Amino acid sequence: MKPHASTFATAEDASLGLDGPAPSSEATRIRLLPLLLAIAVMLGITAWPGALAGPSGAADHLAAMALFWAMSAGFVAGVGFRPRKLLIRLLLSPLACWLGVILAGLRLASLTA
């Protein structure tokens, strides 16, 4: 059976270094901590959307973007999906999940100070 063409990197991707090694079957396990963090962010923002508002009551889009990036990374890493492209893998890693939460927290803390 012939493999699908999209499973291979293009020459341009290879020249940019965006194609990493193929994910191993060991990497497709569920990671509980990022998954729970993503669920907590999802439920928290759904229940209390005002948490992403600044002191004036306007939405803080930078904090929201960082928090939603963290949520996305948490879900992707939490369910065990491991993207083939190195850049995407780094942007959706468990470390990126924590980084997004920290950046959102720092941004919101700087608004109230």
PDB file of N, CA and C in Angstrom:
ATOM      1  N   MET A   1       0.842  -1.164   0.000  1.00  0.00           N
ATOM      2  CA  MET A   1       0.000   0.000   0.000  1.00  0.00           C
ATOM      3  C   MET A   1       0.895   1.237   0.000  1.00  0.00           C
ATOM      4  N   LYS A   2       0.627   2.162  -0.891  1.00  0.00           N
ATOM      5  CA  LYS A   2       1.447   3.353  -1.036  1.00  0.00           C
ATOM      6  C   LYS A   2       1.087   4.363   0.057  1.00  0.00           C
ATOM      7  N   PRO A   3       2.112   4.932   0.777  1.00  0.00           N
ATOM      8  CA  PRO A   3       1.813   5.920   1.806  1.00  0.00           C
ATOM      9  C   PRO A   3       1.276   7.209   1.199  1.00  0.00           C
ATOM     10  N   HIS A   4       0.489   7.908   1.975  1.00  0.00           N
ATOM     11  CA  HIS A   4      -0.078   9.169   1.525  1.00  0.00           C
ATOM     12  C   HIS A   4       1.031  10.205   1.405  1.00  0.00           C
ATOM     13  N   ALA A   5       0.978  11.060   0.400  1.00  0.00           N
ATOM     14  CA  ALA A   5       2.045  12.012   0.118  1.00  0.00           C
ATOM     15  C   ALA A   5       2.231  13.044   1.228  1.00  0.00           C
ATOM     16  N   SER A   6       1.183  13.367   1.980  1.00  0.00           N
ATOM     17  CA  SER A   6       1.299  14.406   2.999  1.00  0.00           C
ATOM     18  C   SER A   6       2.057  13.941   4.235  1.00  0.00           C
ATOM     19  N   THR A   7       2.393  12.662   4.327  1.00  0.00           N
ATOM     20  CA  THR A   7       3.137  12.196   5.483  1.00  0.00           C
ATOM     21  C   THR A   7       4.616  12.502   5.363  1.00  0.00           C
ATOM     22  N   PHE A   8       5.074  12.971   4.209  1.00  0.00           N
ATOM     23  CA  PHE A   8       6.470  13.282   4.012  1.00  0.00           C
ATOM     24  C   PHE A   8       6.683  14.780   3.970  1.00  0.00           C
ATOM     25  N   ALA A   9       7.808  15.219   4.518  1.00  0.00           N
ATOM     26  CA  ALA A   9       8.126  16.648   4.516  1.00  0.00           C
ATOM     27  C   ALA A   9       8.536  17.087   3.124  1.00  0.00           C
ATOM     28  N   THR A  10       8.258  18.330   2.827  1.00  0.00           N
ATOM     29  CA  THR A  10       8.697  18.892   1.553  1.00  0.00           C
ATOM     30  C   THR A  10      10.157  19.299   1.677  1.00  0.00           C
ATOM     31  N   ALA A  11      10.786  19.566   0.552  1.00  0.00           N
ATOM     32  CA  ALA A  11      12.184  20.000   0.562  1.00  0.00           C
ATOM     33  C   ALA A  11      12.319  21.333   1.290  1.00  0.00           C
ATOM     34  N   GLU A  12      11.312  22.177   1.173  1.00  0.00           N
ATOM     35  CA  GLU A  12      11.348  23.472   1.855  1.00  0.00           C
ATOM     36  C   GLU A  12      11.310  23.289   3.369  1.00  0.00           C
ATOM     37  N   ASP A  13      10.456  22.381   3.855  1.00  0.00           N
ATOM     38  CA  ASP A  13      10.396  22.119   5.292  1.00  0.00           C
ATOM     39  C   ASP A  13      11.722  21.573   5.798  1.00  0.00           C
ATOM     40  N   ALA A  14      12.320  20.682   5.041  1.00  0.00           N
ATOM     41  CA  ALA A  14      13.588  20.103   5.448  1.00  0.00           C
ATOM     42  C   ALA A  14      14.673  21.169   5.495  1.00  0.00           C
ATOM     43  N   SER A  15      14.669  22.100   4.531  1.00  0.00           N
ATOM     44  CA  SER A  15      15.696  23.132   4.516  1.00  0.00           C
ATOM     45  C   SER A  15      15.530  24.118   5.661  1.00  0.00           C
ATOM     46  N   LEU A  16      14.312  24.293   6.153  1.00  0.00           N
ATOM     47  CA  LEU A  16      14.066  25.188   7.274  1.00  0.00           C
ATOM     48  C   LEU A  16      14.258  24.492   8.620  1.00  0.00           C
ATOM     49  N   GLY A  17      14.460  23.199   8.601  1.00  0.00           N
ATOM     50  CA  GLY A  17      14.632  22.449   9.842  1.00  0.00           C
ATOM     51  C   GLY A  17      13.344  22.268  10.612  1.00  0.00           C
ATOM     52  N   LEU A  18      12.221  22.299   9.918  1.00  0.00           N
ATOM     53  CA  LEU A  18      10.927  22.182  10.588  1.00  0.00           C
ATOM     54  C   LEU A  18      10.457  20.748  10.716  1.00  0.00           C
ATOM     55  N   ASP A  19      11.164  19.818  10.134  1.00  0.00           N
ATOM     56  CA  ASP A  19      10.749  18.425  10.198  1.00  0.00           C
ATOM     57  C   ASP A  19      11.645  17.696  11.183  1.00  0.00           C
ATOM     58  N   GLY A  20      11.080  17.240  12.260  1.00  0.00           N
ATOM     59  CA  GLY A  20      11.848  16.524  13.266  1.00  0.00           C
ATOM     60  C   GLY A  20      11.736  15.029  13.055  1.00  0.00           C
ATOM     61  N   PRO A  21      12.311  14.269  13.972  1.00  0.00           N
ATOM     62  CA  PRO A  21      12.182  12.822  13.864  1.00  0.00           C
ATOM     63  C   PRO A  21      10.740  12.389  14.041  1.00  0.00           C
ATOM     64  N   ALA A  22      10.415  11.275  13.447  1.00  0.00           N
ATOM     65  CA  ALA A  22       9.047  10.761  13.540  1.00  0.00           C
ATOM     66  C   ALA A  22       8.719  10.425  14.984  1.00  0.00           C
ATOM     67  N   PRO A  23       7.523  10.743  15.435  1.00  0.00           N
ATOM     68  CA  PRO A  23       7.133  10.438  16.806  1.00  0.00           C
ATOM     69  C   PRO A  23       7.147   8.929  17.061  1.00  0.00           C
ATOM     70  N   SER A  24       7.607   8.559  18.226  1.00  0.00           N
ATOM     71  CA  SER A  24       7.611   7.143  18.578  1.00  0.00           C
ATOM     72  C   SER A  24       6.274   6.765  19.194  1.00  0.00           C
ATOM     73  N   SER A  25       6.008   5.485  19.260  1.00  0.00           N
ATOM     74  CA  SER A  25       4.737   5.042  19.838  1.00  0.00           C
ATOM     75  C   SER A  25       4.706   5.299  21.336  1.00  0.00           C
ATOM     76  N   GLU A  26       5.878   5.428  21.971  1.00  0.00           N
ATOM     77  CA  GLU A  26       5.944   5.714  23.402  1.00  0.00           C
ATOM     78  C   GLU A  26       5.417   7.118  23.700  1.00  0.00           C
ATOM     79  N   ALA A  27       5.573   8.041  22.747  1.00  0.00           N
ATOM     80  CA  ALA A  27       5.179   9.435  22.964  1.00  0.00           C
ATOM     81  C   ALA A  27       3.672   9.638  22.872  1.00  0.00           C
ATOM     82  N   THR A  28       2.920   8.632  22.475  1.00  0.00           N
ATOM     83  CA  THR A  28       1.480   8.802  22.296  1.00  0.00           C
ATOM     84  C   THR A  28       0.690   8.398  23.528  1.00  0.00           C
ATOM     85  N   ARG A  29       1.269   8.566  24.675  1.00  0.00           N
ATOM     86  CA  ARG A  29       0.559   8.253  25.910  1.00  0.00           C
ATOM     87  C   ARG A  29      -0.152   9.502  26.422  1.00  0.00           C
ATOM     88  N   ILE A  30      -1.162   9.312  27.229  1.00  0.00           N
ATOM     89  CA  ILE A  30      -1.902  10.431  27.804  1.00  0.00           C
ATOM     90  C   ILE A  30      -1.044  11.060  28.901  1.00  0.00           C
ATOM     91  N   ARG A  31      -0.953  12.378  28.855  1.00  0.00           N
ATOM     92  CA  ARG A  31      -0.228  13.133  29.881  1.00  0.00           C
ATOM     93  C   ARG A  31      -1.274  13.852  30.718  1.00  0.00           C
ATOM     94  N   LEU A  32      -1.404  13.403  31.928  1.00  0.00           N
ATOM     95  CA  LEU A  32      -2.495  13.853  32.778  1.00  0.00           C
ATOM     96  C   LEU A  32      -2.382  15.324  33.184  1.00  0.00           C
ATOM     97  N   LEU A  33      -1.191  15.783  33.531  1.00  0.00           N
ATOM     98  CA  LEU A  33      -1.051  17.152  34.017  1.00  0.00           C
ATOM     99  C   LEU A  33      -1.420  18.204  32.969  1.00  0.00           C
ATOM    100  N   PRO A  34      -0.884  18.146  31.734  1.00  0.00           N
ATOM    101  CA  PRO A  34      -1.317  19.130  30.736  1.00  0.00           C
ATOM    102  C   PRO A  34      -2.807  19.017  30.395  1.00  0.00           C
ATOM    103  N   LEU A  35      -3.321  17.809  30.393  1.00  0.00           N
ATOM    104  CA  LEU A  35      -4.740  17.620  30.086  1.00  0.00           C
ATOM    105  C   LEU A  35      -5.621  18.246  31.169  1.00  0.00           C
ATOM    106  N   LEU A  36      -5.273  18.030  32.428  1.00  0.00           N
ATOM    107  CA  LEU A  36      -6.034  18.626  33.523  1.00  0.00           C
ATOM    108  C   LEU A  36      -5.916  20.148  33.530  1.00  0.00           C
ATOM    109  N   LEU A  37      -4.741  20.649  33.183  1.00  0.00           N
ATOM    110  CA  LEU A  37      -4.557  22.095  33.109  1.00  0.00           C
ATOM    111  C   LEU A  37      -5.422  22.695  31.996  1.00  0.00           C
ATOM    112  N   ALA A  38      -5.476  22.027  30.858  1.00  0.00           N
ATOM    113  CA  ALA A  38      -6.309  22.497  29.744  1.00  0.00           C
ATOM    114  C   ALA A  38      -7.795  22.476  30.124  1.00  0.00           C
ATOM    115  N   ILE A  39      -8.219  21.441  30.804  1.00  0.00           N
ATOM    116  CA  ILE A  39      -9.617  21.350  31.236  1.00  0.00           C
ATOM    117  C   ILE A  39      -9.920  22.447  32.258  1.00  0.00           C
ATOM    118  N   ALA A  40      -8.982  22.706  33.176  1.00  0.00           N
ATOM    119  CA  ALA A  40      -9.179  23.760  34.174  1.00  0.00           C
ATOM    120  C   ALA A  40      -9.289  25.131  33.514  1.00  0.00           C
ATOM    121  N   VAL A  41      -8.431  25.399  32.521  1.00  0.00           N
ATOM    122  CA  VAL A  41      -8.502  26.674  31.804  1.00  0.00           C
ATOM    123  C   VAL A  41      -9.832  26.782  31.069  1.00  0.00           C
ATOM    124  N   MET A  42     -10.234  25.721  30.394  1.00  0.00           N
ATOM    125  CA  MET A  42     -11.491  25.730  29.644  1.00  0.00           C
ATOM    126  C   MET A  42     -12.676  26.017  30.562  1.00  0.00           C
ATOM    127  N   LEU A  43     -12.755  25.290  31.666  1.00  0.00           N
ATOM    128  CA  LEU A  43     -13.872  25.482  32.594  1.00  0.00           C
ATOM    129  C   LEU A  43     -13.803  26.836  33.295  1.00  0.00           C
ATOM    130  N   GLY A  44     -12.595  27.265  33.645  1.00  0.00           N
ATOM    131  CA  GLY A  44     -12.433  28.534  34.332  1.00  0.00           C
ATOM    132  C   GLY A  44     -12.853  29.721  33.480  1.00  0.00           C
ATOM    133  N   ILE A  45     -12.438  29.735  32.232  1.00  0.00           N
ATOM    134  CA  ILE A  45     -12.781  30.849  31.347  1.00  0.00           C
ATOM    135  C   ILE A  45     -14.268  30.794  30.966  1.00  0.00           C
ATOM    136  N   THR A  46     -14.814  29.608  30.869  1.00  0.00           N
ATOM    137  CA  THR A  46     -16.244  29.487  30.581  1.00  0.00           C
ATOM    138  C   THR A  46     -17.080  30.009  31.752  1.00  0.00           C
ATOM    139  N   ALA A  47     -16.680  29.660  32.973  1.00  0.00           N
ATOM    140  CA  ALA A  47     -17.436  30.059  34.158  1.00  0.00           C
ATOM    141  C   ALA A  47     -17.175  31.507  34.568  1.00  0.00           C
ATOM    142  N   TRP A  48     -15.947  31.992  34.311  1.00  0.00           N
ATOM    143  CA  TRP A  48     -15.583  33.324  34.772  1.00  0.00           C
ATOM    144  C   TRP A  48     -14.805  34.061  33.688  1.00  0.00           C
ATOM    145  N   PRO A  49     -15.478  34.504  32.625  1.00  0.00           N
ATOM    146  CA  PRO A  49     -14.783  35.183  31.535  1.00  0.00           C
ATOM    147  C   PRO A  49     -14.202  36.532  31.947  1.00  0.00           C
ATOM    148  N   GLY A  50     -14.701  37.109  33.016  1.00  0.00           N
ATOM    149  CA  GLY A  50     -14.177  38.376  33.505  1.00  0.00           C
ATOM    150  C   GLY A  50     -12.754  38.276  34.037  1.00  0.00           C
ATOM    151  N   ALA A  51     -12.260  37.052  34.207  1.00  0.00           N
ATOM    152  CA  ALA A  51     -10.888  36.874  34.674  1.00  0.00           C
ATOM    153  C   ALA A  51      -9.877  37.396  33.663  1.00  0.00           C
ATOM    154  N   LEU A  52     -10.273  37.476  32.421  1.00  0.00           N
ATOM    155  CA  LEU A  52      -9.372  37.976  31.379  1.00  0.00           C
ATOM    156  C   LEU A  52      -9.599  39.451  31.080  1.00  0.00           C
ATOM    157  N   ALA A  53     -10.225  40.150  31.991  1.00  0.00           N
ATOM    158  CA  ALA A  53     -10.463  41.579  31.813  1.00  0.00           C
ATOM    159  C   ALA A  53      -9.471  42.365  32.658  1.00  0.00           C
ATOM    160  N   GLY A  54      -9.092  43.512  32.151  1.00  0.00           N
ATOM    161  CA  GLY A  54      -8.217  44.409  32.884  1.00  0.00           C
ATOM    162  C   GLY A  54      -8.997  45.195  33.922  1.00  0.00           C
ATOM    163  N   PRO A  55      -8.326  46.082  34.640  1.00  0.00           N
ATOM    164  CA  PRO A  55      -9.001  46.883  35.675  1.00  0.00           C
ATOM    165  C   PRO A  55     -10.127  47.759  35.124  1.00  0.00           C
ATOM    166  N   SER A  56     -10.015  48.176  33.863  1.00  0.00           N
ATOM    167  CA  SER A  56     -11.063  49.010  33.269  1.00  0.00           C
ATOM    168  C   SER A  56     -12.270  48.192  32.813  1.00  0.00           C
ATOM    169  N   GLY A  57     -12.151  46.888  32.850  1.00  0.00           N
ATOM    170  CA  GLY A  57     -13.238  46.015  32.425  1.00  0.00           C
ATOM    171  C   GLY A  57     -13.142  45.565  30.981  1.00  0.00           C
ATOM    172  N   ALA A  58     -12.177  46.122  30.241  1.00  0.00           N
ATOM    173  CA  ALA A  58     -11.988  45.720  28.844  1.00  0.00           C
ATOM    174  C   ALA A  58     -11.228  44.398  28.783  1.00  0.00           C
ATOM    175  N   ALA A  59     -11.511  43.634  27.773  1.00  0.00           N
ATOM    176  CA  ALA A  59     -10.835  42.341  27.603  1.00  0.00           C
ATOM    177  C   ALA A  59      -9.352  42.559  27.321  1.00  0.00           C
ATOM    178  N   ASP A  60      -8.520  41.748  27.952  1.00  0.00           N
ATOM    179  CA  ASP A  60      -7.082  41.794  27.690  1.00  0.00           C
ATOM    180  C   ASP A  60      -6.757  40.698  26.688  1.00  0.00           C
ATOM    181  N   HIS A  61      -6.555  41.100  25.455  1.00  0.00           N
ATOM    182  CA  HIS A  61      -6.375  40.128  24.379  1.00  0.00           C
ATOM    183  C   HIS A  61      -5.044  39.386  24.459  1.00  0.00           C
ATOM    184  N   LEU A  62      -4.009  40.003  24.979  1.00  0.00           N
ATOM    185  CA  LEU A  62      -2.724  39.301  25.115  1.00  0.00           C
ATOM    186  C   LEU A  62      -2.816  38.174  26.139  1.00  0.00           C
ATOM    187  N   ALA A  63      -3.456  38.458  27.270  1.00  0.00           N
ATOM    188  CA  ALA A  63      -3.628  37.410  28.286  1.00  0.00           C
ATOM    189  C   ALA A  63      -4.534  36.304  27.760  1.00  0.00           C
ATOM    190  N   ALA A  64      -5.590  36.686  27.032  1.00  0.00           N
ATOM    191  CA  ALA A  64      -6.493  35.677  26.477  1.00  0.00           C
ATOM    192  C   ALA A  64      -5.774  34.804  25.463  1.00  0.00           C
ATOM    193  N   MET A  65      -4.955  35.423  24.613  1.00  0.00           N
ATOM    194  CA  MET A  65      -4.224  34.647  23.611  1.00  0.00           C
ATOM    195  C   MET A  65      -3.255  33.668  24.287  1.00  0.00           C
ATOM    196  N   ALA A  66      -2.541  34.126  25.321  1.00  0.00           N
ATOM    197  CA  ALA A  66      -1.603  33.247  26.022  1.00  0.00           C
ATOM    198  C   ALA A  66      -2.344  32.101  26.710  1.00  0.00           C
ATOM    199  N   LEU A  67      -3.474  32.405  27.314  1.00  0.00           N
ATOM    200  CA  LEU A  67      -4.224  31.367  28.026  1.00  0.00           C
ATOM    201  C   LEU A  67      -4.853  30.363  27.062  1.00  0.00           C
ATOM    202  N   PHE A  68      -5.365  30.839  25.940  1.00  0.00           N
ATOM    203  CA  PHE A  68      -5.952  29.913  24.971  1.00  0.00           C
ATOM    204  C   PHE A  68      -4.880  29.098  24.251  1.00  0.00           C
ATOM    205  N   TRP A  69      -3.694  29.671  24.081  1.00  0.00           N
ATOM    206  CA  TRP A  69      -2.563  28.897  23.554  1.00  0.00           C
ATOM    207  C   TRP A  69      -2.217  27.785  24.538  1.00  0.00           C
ATOM    208  N   ALA A  70      -2.194  28.123  25.834  1.00  0.00           N
ATOM    209  CA  ALA A  70      -1.913  27.118  26.864  1.00  0.00           C
ATOM    210  C   ALA A  70      -2.964  26.016  26.856  1.00  0.00           C
ATOM    211  N   MET A  71      -4.224  26.407  26.695  1.00  0.00           N
ATOM    212  CA  MET A  71      -5.299  25.418  26.662  1.00  0.00           C
ATOM    213  C   MET A  71      -5.143  24.493  25.454  1.00  0.00           C
ATOM    214  N   SER A  72      -4.856  25.070  24.301  1.00  0.00           N
ATOM    215  CA  SER A  72      -4.678  24.260  23.090  1.00  0.00           C
ATOM    216  C   SER A  72      -3.500  23.312  23.235  1.00  0.00           C
ATOM    217  N   ALA A  73      -2.389  23.834  23.734  1.00  0.00           N
ATOM    218  CA  ALA A  73      -1.199  22.991  23.926  1.00  0.00           C
ATOM    219  C   ALA A  73      -1.484  21.893  24.942  1.00  0.00           C
ATOM    220  N   GLY A  74      -2.238  22.226  25.981  1.00  0.00           N
ATOM    221  CA  GLY A  74      -2.572  21.226  26.994  1.00  0.00           C
ATOM    222  C   GLY A  74      -3.425  20.105  26.447  1.00  0.00           C
ATOM    223  N   PHE A  75      -4.408  20.443  25.618  1.00  0.00           N
ATOM    224  CA  PHE A  75      -5.239  19.399  25.025  1.00  0.00           C
ATOM    225  C   PHE A  75      -4.445  18.536  24.045  1.00  0.00           C
ATOM    226  N   VAL A  76      -3.639  19.163  23.209  1.00  0.00           N
ATOM    227  CA  VAL A  76      -2.867  18.396  22.221  1.00  0.00           C
ATOM    228  C   VAL A  76      -1.876  17.478  22.916  1.00  0.00           C
ATOM    229  N   ALA A  77      -1.103  18.029  23.854  1.00  0.00           N
ATOM    230  CA  ALA A  77      -0.114  17.211  24.563  1.00  0.00           C
ATOM    231  C   ALA A  77      -0.786  16.233  25.515  1.00  0.00           C
ATOM    232  N   GLY A  78      -1.885  16.653  26.119  1.00  0.00           N
ATOM    233  CA  GLY A  78      -2.555  15.813  27.107  1.00  0.00           C
ATOM    234  C   GLY A  78      -3.152  14.541  26.548  1.00  0.00           C
ATOM    235  N   VAL A  79      -3.693  14.609  25.338  1.00  0.00           N
ATOM    236  CA  VAL A  79      -4.283  13.401  24.758  1.00  0.00           C
ATOM    237  C   VAL A  79      -3.243  12.512  24.092  1.00  0.00           C
ATOM    238  N   GLY A  80      -2.001  12.975  24.059  1.00  0.00           N
ATOM    239  CA  GLY A  80      -0.928  12.140  23.534  1.00  0.00           C
ATOM    240  C   GLY A  80      -0.590  12.370  22.078  1.00  0.00           C
ATOM    241  N   PHE A  81      -1.205  13.358  21.451  1.00  0.00           N
ATOM    242  CA  PHE A  81      -0.874  13.642  20.055  1.00  0.00           C
ATOM    243  C   PHE A  81       0.475  14.326  19.996  1.00  0.00           C
ATOM    244  N   ARG A  82       1.296  13.903  19.053  1.00  0.00           N
ATOM    245  CA  ARG A  82       2.638  14.471  18.895  1.00  0.00           C
ATOM    246  C   ARG A  82       2.822  14.827  17.426  1.00  0.00           C
ATOM    247  N   PRO A  83       2.752  16.135  17.090  1.00  0.00           N
ATOM    248  CA  PRO A  83       2.883  16.538  15.684  1.00  0.00           C
ATOM    249  C   PRO A  83       4.237  16.166  15.103  1.00  0.00           C
ATOM    250  N   ARG A  84       4.263  15.937  13.794  1.00  0.00           N
ATOM    251  CA  ARG A  84       5.501  15.574  13.115  1.00  0.00           C
ATOM    252  C   ARG A  84       6.450  16.753  12.951  1.00  0.00           C
ATOM    253  N   LYS A  85       5.911  17.913  12.660  1.00  0.00           N
ATOM    254  CA  LYS A  85       6.743  19.091  12.428  1.00  0.00           C
ATOM    255  C   LYS A  85       7.280  19.612  13.759  1.00  0.00           C
ATOM    256  N   LEU A  86       8.555  19.875  13.794  1.00  0.00           N
ATOM    257  CA  LEU A  86       9.223  20.285  15.024  1.00  0.00           C
ATOM    258  C   LEU A  86       8.655  21.593  15.568  1.00  0.00           C
ATOM    259  N   LEU A  87       8.427  22.563  14.710  1.00  0.00           N
ATOM    260  CA  LEU A  87       7.914  23.851  15.162  1.00  0.00           C
ATOM    261  C   LEU A  87       6.534  23.698  15.810  1.00  0.00           C
ATOM    262  N   ILE A  88       5.657  22.948  15.168  1.00  0.00           N
ATOM    263  CA  ILE A  88       4.313  22.715  15.723  1.00  0.00           C
ATOM    264  C   ILE A  88       4.415  21.902  17.013  1.00  0.00           C
ATOM    265  N   ARG A  89       5.310  20.926  17.036  1.00  0.00           N
ATOM    266  CA  ARG A  89       5.498  20.104  18.232  1.00  0.00           C
ATOM    267  C   ARG A  89       5.932  20.966  19.419  1.00  0.00           C
ATOM    268  N   LEU A  90       6.809  21.944  19.174  1.00  0.00           N
ATOM    269  CA  LEU A  90       7.258  22.825  20.243  1.00  0.00           C
ATOM    270  C   LEU A  90       6.151  23.775  20.694  1.00  0.00           C
ATOM    271  N   LEU A  91       5.371  24.286  19.742  1.00  0.00           N
ATOM    272  CA  LEU A  91       4.295  25.214  20.082  1.00  0.00           C
ATOM    273  C   LEU A  91       3.142  24.550  20.828  1.00  0.00           C
ATOM    274  N   LEU A  92       3.010  23.233  20.696  1.00  0.00           N
ATOM    275  CA  LEU A  92       1.918  22.503  21.339  1.00  0.00           C
ATOM    276  C   LEU A  92       2.425  21.473  22.344  1.00  0.00           C
ATOM    277  N   SER A  93       3.564  21.749  22.949  1.00  0.00           N
ATOM    278  CA  SER A  93       4.168  20.830  23.916  1.00  0.00           C
ATOM    279  C   SER A  93       3.670  21.113  25.333  1.00  0.00           C
ATOM    280  N   PRO A  94       3.927  20.210  26.270  1.00  0.00           N
ATOM    281  CA  PRO A  94       3.558  20.484  27.667  1.00  0.00           C
ATOM    282  C   PRO A  94       4.266  21.726  28.218  1.00  0.00           C
ATOM    283  N   LEU A  95       5.496  21.949  27.797  1.00  0.00           N
ATOM    284  CA  LEU A  95       6.221  23.143  28.229  1.00  0.00           C
ATOM    285  C   LEU A  95       5.532  24.405  27.727  1.00  0.00           C
ATOM    286  N   ALA A  96       5.036  24.374  26.501  1.00  0.00           N
ATOM    287  CA  ALA A  96       4.300  25.519  25.955  1.00  0.00           C
ATOM    288  C   ALA A  96       3.014  25.758  26.731  1.00  0.00           C
ATOM    289  N   CYS A  97       2.401  24.699  27.198  1.00  0.00           N
ATOM    290  CA  CYS A  97       1.185  24.814  28.011  1.00  0.00           C
ATOM    291  C   CYS A  97       1.473  25.610  29.281  1.00  0.00           C
ATOM    292  N   TRP A  98       2.523  25.225  29.969  1.00  0.00           N
ATOM    293  CA  TRP A  98       2.885  25.931  31.202  1.00  0.00           C
ATOM    294  C   TRP A  98       3.346  27.356  30.906  1.00  0.00           C
ATOM    295  N   LEU A  99       4.078  27.533  29.835  1.00  0.00           N
ATOM    296  CA  LEU A  99       4.551  28.860  29.463  1.00  0.00           C
ATOM    297  C   LEU A  99       3.385  29.808  29.183  1.00  0.00           C
ATOM    298  N   GLY A 100       2.367  29.326  28.509  1.00  0.00           N
ATOM    299  CA  GLY A 100       1.186  30.140  28.234  1.00  0.00           C
ATOM    300  C   GLY A 100       0.467  30.559  29.500  1.00  0.00           C
ATOM    301  N   VAL A 101       0.333  29.643  30.447  1.00  0.00           N
ATOM    302  CA  VAL A 101      -0.329  29.970  31.719  1.00  0.00           C
ATOM    303  C   VAL A 101       0.494  31.003  32.495  1.00  0.00           C
ATOM    304  N   ILE A 102       1.804  30.828  32.514  1.00  0.00           N
ATOM    305  CA  ILE A 102       2.676  31.774  33.220  1.00  0.00           C
ATOM    306  C   ILE A 102       2.620  33.151  32.564  1.00  0.00           C
ATOM    307  N   LEU A 103       2.686  33.201  31.239  1.00  0.00           N
ATOM    308  CA  LEU A 103       2.621  34.490  30.543  1.00  0.00           C
ATOM    309  C   LEU A 103       1.287  35.197  30.792  1.00  0.00           C
ATOM    310  N   ALA A 104       0.189  34.449  30.763  1.00  0.00           N
ATOM    311  CA  ALA A 104      -1.115  35.047  31.029  1.00  0.00           C
ATOM    312  C   ALA A 104      -1.178  35.564  32.467  1.00  0.00           C
ATOM    313  N   GLY A 105      -0.669  34.808  33.399  1.00  0.00           N
ATOM    314  CA  GLY A 105      -0.655  35.234  34.791  1.00  0.00           C
ATOM    315  C   GLY A 105       0.176  36.486  34.999  1.00  0.00           C
ATOM    316  N   LEU A 106       1.359  36.531  34.379  1.00  0.00           N
ATOM    317  CA  LEU A 106       2.201  37.719  34.485  1.00  0.00           C
ATOM    318  C   LEU A 106       1.547  38.935  33.856  1.00  0.00           C
ATOM    319  N   ARG A 107       0.906  38.732  32.720  1.00  0.00           N
ATOM    320  CA  ARG A 107       0.221  39.848  32.040  1.00  0.00           C
ATOM    321  C   ARG A 107      -0.913  40.387  32.901  1.00  0.00           C
ATOM    322  N   LEU A 108      -1.729  39.515  33.458  1.00  0.00           N
ATOM    323  CA  LEU A 108      -2.846  39.958  34.293  1.00  0.00           C
ATOM    324  C   LEU A 108      -2.352  40.597  35.589  1.00  0.00           C
ATOM    325  N   ALA A 109      -1.254  40.084  36.141  1.00  0.00           N
ATOM    326  CA  ALA A 109      -0.698  40.663  37.362  1.00  0.00           C
ATOM    327  C   ALA A 109      -0.126  42.054  37.088  1.00  0.00           C
ATOM    328  N   SER A 110       0.446  42.253  35.911  1.00  0.00           N
ATOM    329  CA  SER A 110       1.010  43.564  35.585  1.00  0.00           C
ATOM    330  C   SER A 110      -0.079  44.609  35.376  1.00  0.00           C
ATOM    331  N   LEU A 111      -1.273  44.193  35.016  1.00  0.00           N
ATOM    332  CA  LEU A 111      -2.363  45.141  34.811  1.00  0.00           C
ATOM    333  C   LEU A 111      -2.921  45.659  36.121  1.00  0.00           C
ATOM    334  N   THR A 112      -2.864  44.844  37.157  1.00  0.00           N
ATOM    335  CA  THR A 112      -3.423  45.237  38.440  1.00  0.00           C
ATOM    336  C   THR A 112      -2.404  45.962  39.308  1.00  0.00           C
ATOM    337  N   ALA A 113      -1.145  45.926  38.945  1.00  0.00           N
ATOM    338  CA  ALA A 113      -0.089  46.568  39.766  1.00  0.00           C
ATOM    339  C   ALA A 113       0.018  48.044  39.469  1.00  0.00           C
TER     340      ALA A 113
END
